[in-house]
N, C-alpha and C. Protein backbone atom coordinates (compact mmCIF):
# COMPACT_ATOMS: atom_id res chain seq x y z
N UNK A 1 12.97 -3.69 0.90
CA UNK A 1 11.75 -3.62 1.68
C UNK A 1 11.29 -5.46 1.25
N UNK A 2 11.50 -6.49 2.41
CA UNK A 2 11.15 -7.66 2.18
C UNK A 2 9.69 -7.81 2.66
N UNK A 3 8.96 -7.62 1.42
CA UNK A 3 7.32 -7.81 1.35
C UNK A 3 7.07 -8.79 2.45
N UNK A 4 7.55 -9.96 2.14
CA UNK A 4 7.12 -11.09 2.98
C UNK A 4 7.55 -10.88 4.52
N UNK A 5 8.47 -10.73 4.69
CA UNK A 5 8.37 -10.18 6.26
C UNK A 5 7.59 -9.10 7.01
N UNK A 6 7.07 -8.30 6.02
CA UNK A 6 6.55 -6.86 6.43
C UNK A 6 5.02 -7.33 6.57
N UNK A 7 4.82 -8.39 5.67
CA UNK A 7 3.20 -8.98 5.63
C UNK A 7 3.63 -9.74 6.92
N UNK A 8 4.51 -10.45 7.18
CA UNK A 8 3.92 -11.29 8.79
C UNK A 8 4.20 -10.56 9.80
N UNK A 9 4.77 -9.54 10.08
CA UNK A 9 4.35 -8.54 11.00
C UNK A 9 2.92 -8.21 11.12
N UNK A 10 2.58 -7.90 10.06
CA UNK A 10 1.32 -7.30 10.11
C UNK A 10 0.14 -8.34 10.43
N UNK A 11 0.57 -9.71 9.94
CA UNK A 11 -0.32 -10.79 10.33
C UNK A 11 -0.03 -10.96 11.72
N UNK A 12 0.92 -10.72 12.74
CA UNK A 12 1.38 -11.19 13.94
C UNK A 12 0.39 -10.03 14.62
N UNK A 13 0.27 -8.85 14.36
CA UNK A 13 -0.73 -7.61 14.94
C UNK A 13 -1.84 -7.87 14.79
N UNK A 14 -2.52 -8.18 13.51
CA UNK A 14 -4.06 -8.19 13.57
C UNK A 14 -4.48 -9.68 12.91
N UNK A 15 -4.00 -10.58 12.59
CA UNK A 15 -4.36 -11.66 12.19
C UNK A 15 -4.27 -11.83 10.52
N UNK A 16 -4.09 -13.28 10.27
CA UNK A 16 -3.94 -13.57 8.49
C UNK A 16 -5.36 -12.73 7.87
N UNK A 17 -6.50 -13.06 8.00
CA UNK A 17 -7.75 -12.66 7.23
C UNK A 17 -7.71 -11.03 7.28
N UNK A 18 -7.41 -10.67 8.39
CA UNK A 18 -7.51 -9.26 8.35
C UNK A 18 -6.37 -8.30 7.51
N UNK A 19 -5.26 -8.93 8.22
CA UNK A 19 -4.08 -8.54 7.27
C UNK A 19 -4.15 -8.54 6.05
N UNK A 20 -4.93 -9.53 5.36
CA UNK A 20 -5.02 -9.66 3.68
C UNK A 20 -5.89 -8.73 3.25
N UNK A 21 -7.16 -8.47 4.11
CA UNK A 21 -8.20 -7.35 3.72
C UNK A 21 -7.74 -5.78 4.08
N UNK A 22 -7.12 -5.84 4.99
CA UNK A 22 -6.30 -4.35 5.06
C UNK A 22 -5.38 -3.95 3.93
N UNK A 23 -4.28 -5.11 3.71
CA UNK A 23 -3.46 -4.85 2.39
C UNK A 23 -4.11 -4.29 1.15
N UNK A 24 -4.97 -5.45 0.84
CA UNK A 24 -5.71 -5.05 -0.41
C UNK A 24 -6.63 -4.10 -0.59
N UNK A 25 -7.20 -3.44 0.35
CA UNK A 25 -7.94 -2.12 0.41
C UNK A 25 -7.14 -1.29 0.33
N UNK A 26 -5.97 -1.26 0.73
CA UNK A 26 -4.43 -0.17 0.91
C UNK A 26 -4.03 -0.55 -0.67
N UNK A 27 -4.41 -1.23 -1.15
CA UNK A 27 -3.34 -1.51 -2.45
C UNK A 27 -4.34 -1.09 -3.68
N UNK A 28 -5.80 -1.26 -3.41
CA UNK A 28 -6.71 -0.61 -4.64
C UNK A 28 -6.61 0.81 -4.15
N UNK A 29 -6.39 1.20 -3.03
CA UNK A 29 -6.18 2.73 -2.91
C UNK A 29 -5.21 3.07 -3.66
N UNK A 30 -3.86 2.36 -3.50
CA UNK A 30 -2.53 3.13 -4.34
C UNK A 30 -3.03 3.02 -5.65
N UNK A 31 -3.67 1.92 -6.15
CA UNK A 31 -3.58 2.04 -7.68
C UNK A 31 -4.74 3.06 -8.05
N UNK A 32 -5.60 3.39 -7.20
CA UNK A 32 -6.68 4.10 -7.60
C UNK A 32 -6.14 5.61 -7.39
N UNK A 33 -5.32 5.84 -6.90
CA UNK A 33 -4.28 7.11 -6.51
C UNK A 33 -3.61 7.28 -7.71
N UNK A 34 -2.83 6.33 -8.20
CA UNK A 34 -1.81 6.32 -9.19
C UNK A 34 -2.59 6.63 -10.84
N UNK A 35 -3.96 5.99 -10.79
CA UNK A 35 -4.74 6.26 -11.79
C UNK A 35 -5.45 7.86 -12.09
N UNK A 36 -5.73 7.82 -11.14
CA UNK A 36 -6.46 9.27 -11.06
C UNK A 36 -5.36 10.59 -10.80
N UNK A 37 -4.41 10.27 -10.46
CA UNK A 37 -3.01 11.15 -10.59
C UNK A 37 -2.78 11.29 -12.43
N UNK A 38 -2.79 10.28 -12.98
CA UNK A 38 -2.43 10.23 -14.44
C UNK A 38 -3.48 11.23 -15.18
N UNK A 39 -4.66 10.82 -14.59
CA UNK A 39 -6.01 11.83 -15.35
C UNK A 39 -6.39 13.29 -15.18
N UNK A 40 -5.47 13.43 -14.23
CA UNK A 40 -5.58 14.91 -13.82
C UNK A 40 -4.68 15.51 -14.93
N UNK A 41 -5.68 17.04 -15.14
CA UNK A 41 -5.16 17.77 -16.18
C UNK A 41 -4.15 18.62 -15.58
N UNK A 42 -3.56 18.79 -16.43
CA UNK A 42 -2.16 20.05 -15.98
C UNK A 42 -1.01 19.46 -15.46
N UNK A 43 -1.14 18.06 -15.33
CA UNK A 43 0.20 17.40 -14.49
C UNK A 43 0.75 16.89 -15.41
N UNK A 44 2.49 16.98 -15.54
CA UNK A 44 3.03 16.34 -16.38
C UNK A 44 3.19 14.92 -16.17
N UNK A 45 2.91 14.28 -17.20
CA UNK A 45 2.71 12.76 -17.22
C UNK A 45 4.60 12.05 -17.11
N UNK A 46 4.95 11.62 -15.76
CA UNK A 46 6.18 11.33 -15.95
C UNK A 46 6.46 9.79 -15.62
N UNK A 47 6.98 9.01 -17.01
CA UNK A 47 6.79 7.82 -16.61
C UNK A 47 8.25 7.31 -16.53
N UNK A 48 8.94 7.96 -15.80
CA UNK A 48 10.53 7.46 -15.38
C UNK A 48 10.46 6.55 -14.06
N UNK A 49 9.64 7.19 -13.36
CA UNK A 49 9.68 6.76 -11.65
C UNK A 49 8.25 5.75 -11.50
N UNK A 50 8.93 4.40 -11.74
CA UNK A 50 7.56 3.45 -11.27
C UNK A 50 7.45 3.40 -9.89
N UNK A 51 6.22 3.50 -9.26
CA UNK A 51 6.06 3.13 -8.13
C UNK A 51 5.41 1.97 -7.92
N UNK A 52 5.83 0.90 -6.75
CA UNK A 52 5.61 -0.15 -6.35
C UNK A 52 4.31 -0.16 -5.27
N UNK A 53 3.38 -0.34 -5.86
CA UNK A 53 1.67 -0.02 -5.32
C UNK A 53 1.74 -1.22 -3.93
N UNK A 54 2.10 -2.28 -4.03
CA UNK A 54 2.00 -3.23 -3.20
C UNK A 54 2.97 -3.03 -2.07
N UNK A 55 4.07 -2.50 -2.53
CA UNK A 55 4.80 -2.10 -1.48
C UNK A 55 4.62 -1.36 -0.43
N UNK A 56 4.06 0.10 -1.32
CA UNK A 56 3.22 1.26 -0.41
C UNK A 56 2.32 0.98 0.37
N UNK A 57 1.18 -0.04 -0.13
CA UNK A 57 0.15 -0.36 0.57
C UNK A 57 0.62 -1.10 1.61
N UNK A 58 1.51 -2.09 2.01
CA UNK A 58 2.13 -3.03 2.84
C UNK A 58 2.74 -1.55 3.91
N UNK A 59 3.48 -0.95 3.39
CA UNK A 59 3.88 0.28 4.71
C UNK A 59 2.78 0.83 5.15
N UNK A 60 1.81 1.21 4.19
CA UNK A 60 0.79 2.20 5.09
C UNK A 60 -0.22 1.33 6.23
N UNK A 61 -0.28 0.31 5.92
CA UNK A 61 -0.96 -0.52 6.68
C UNK A 61 -0.31 -1.05 8.16
N UNK A 62 1.24 -1.26 7.57
CA UNK A 62 2.43 -1.65 9.05
C UNK A 62 2.20 -0.21 9.74
N UNK A 63 2.39 0.78 9.16
CA UNK A 63 2.28 2.08 10.14
C UNK A 63 1.02 2.11 10.85
N UNK A 64 -0.12 1.90 10.14
CA UNK A 64 -1.13 2.12 11.10
C UNK A 64 -1.36 1.11 11.99
N UNK A 65 -1.44 -0.04 11.90
CA UNK A 65 -0.66 -1.23 12.74
C UNK A 65 0.29 -0.74 14.00
N UNK A 66 1.23 -0.59 13.61
CA UNK A 66 2.15 -0.04 14.77
C UNK A 66 1.65 0.99 15.60
N UNK A 67 0.99 1.86 15.01
CA UNK A 67 0.35 2.97 15.66
C UNK A 67 -0.91 2.71 16.71
N UNK A 68 -1.48 1.94 16.39
CA UNK A 68 -2.64 1.61 17.03
C UNK A 68 -2.45 0.78 18.24
N UNK A 69 -1.12 0.04 18.28
CA UNK A 69 -0.80 -1.05 19.49
C UNK A 69 0.06 -0.36 20.36
């Protein structure tokens, strides 16, 4: 995935400032989700698979933006 191209798609849909705001909010949510999952009891700690939270955040925002248009 080309994060830059995806971000440009989001910018074209909602504008630069709103795109940054939406992606940052989604990124913060991805980070919190990752941290909370690590803190849950009885959940195995899997360190082999690293998620790219920024990529996940951009994907989520782009999906929502394309659904609303």
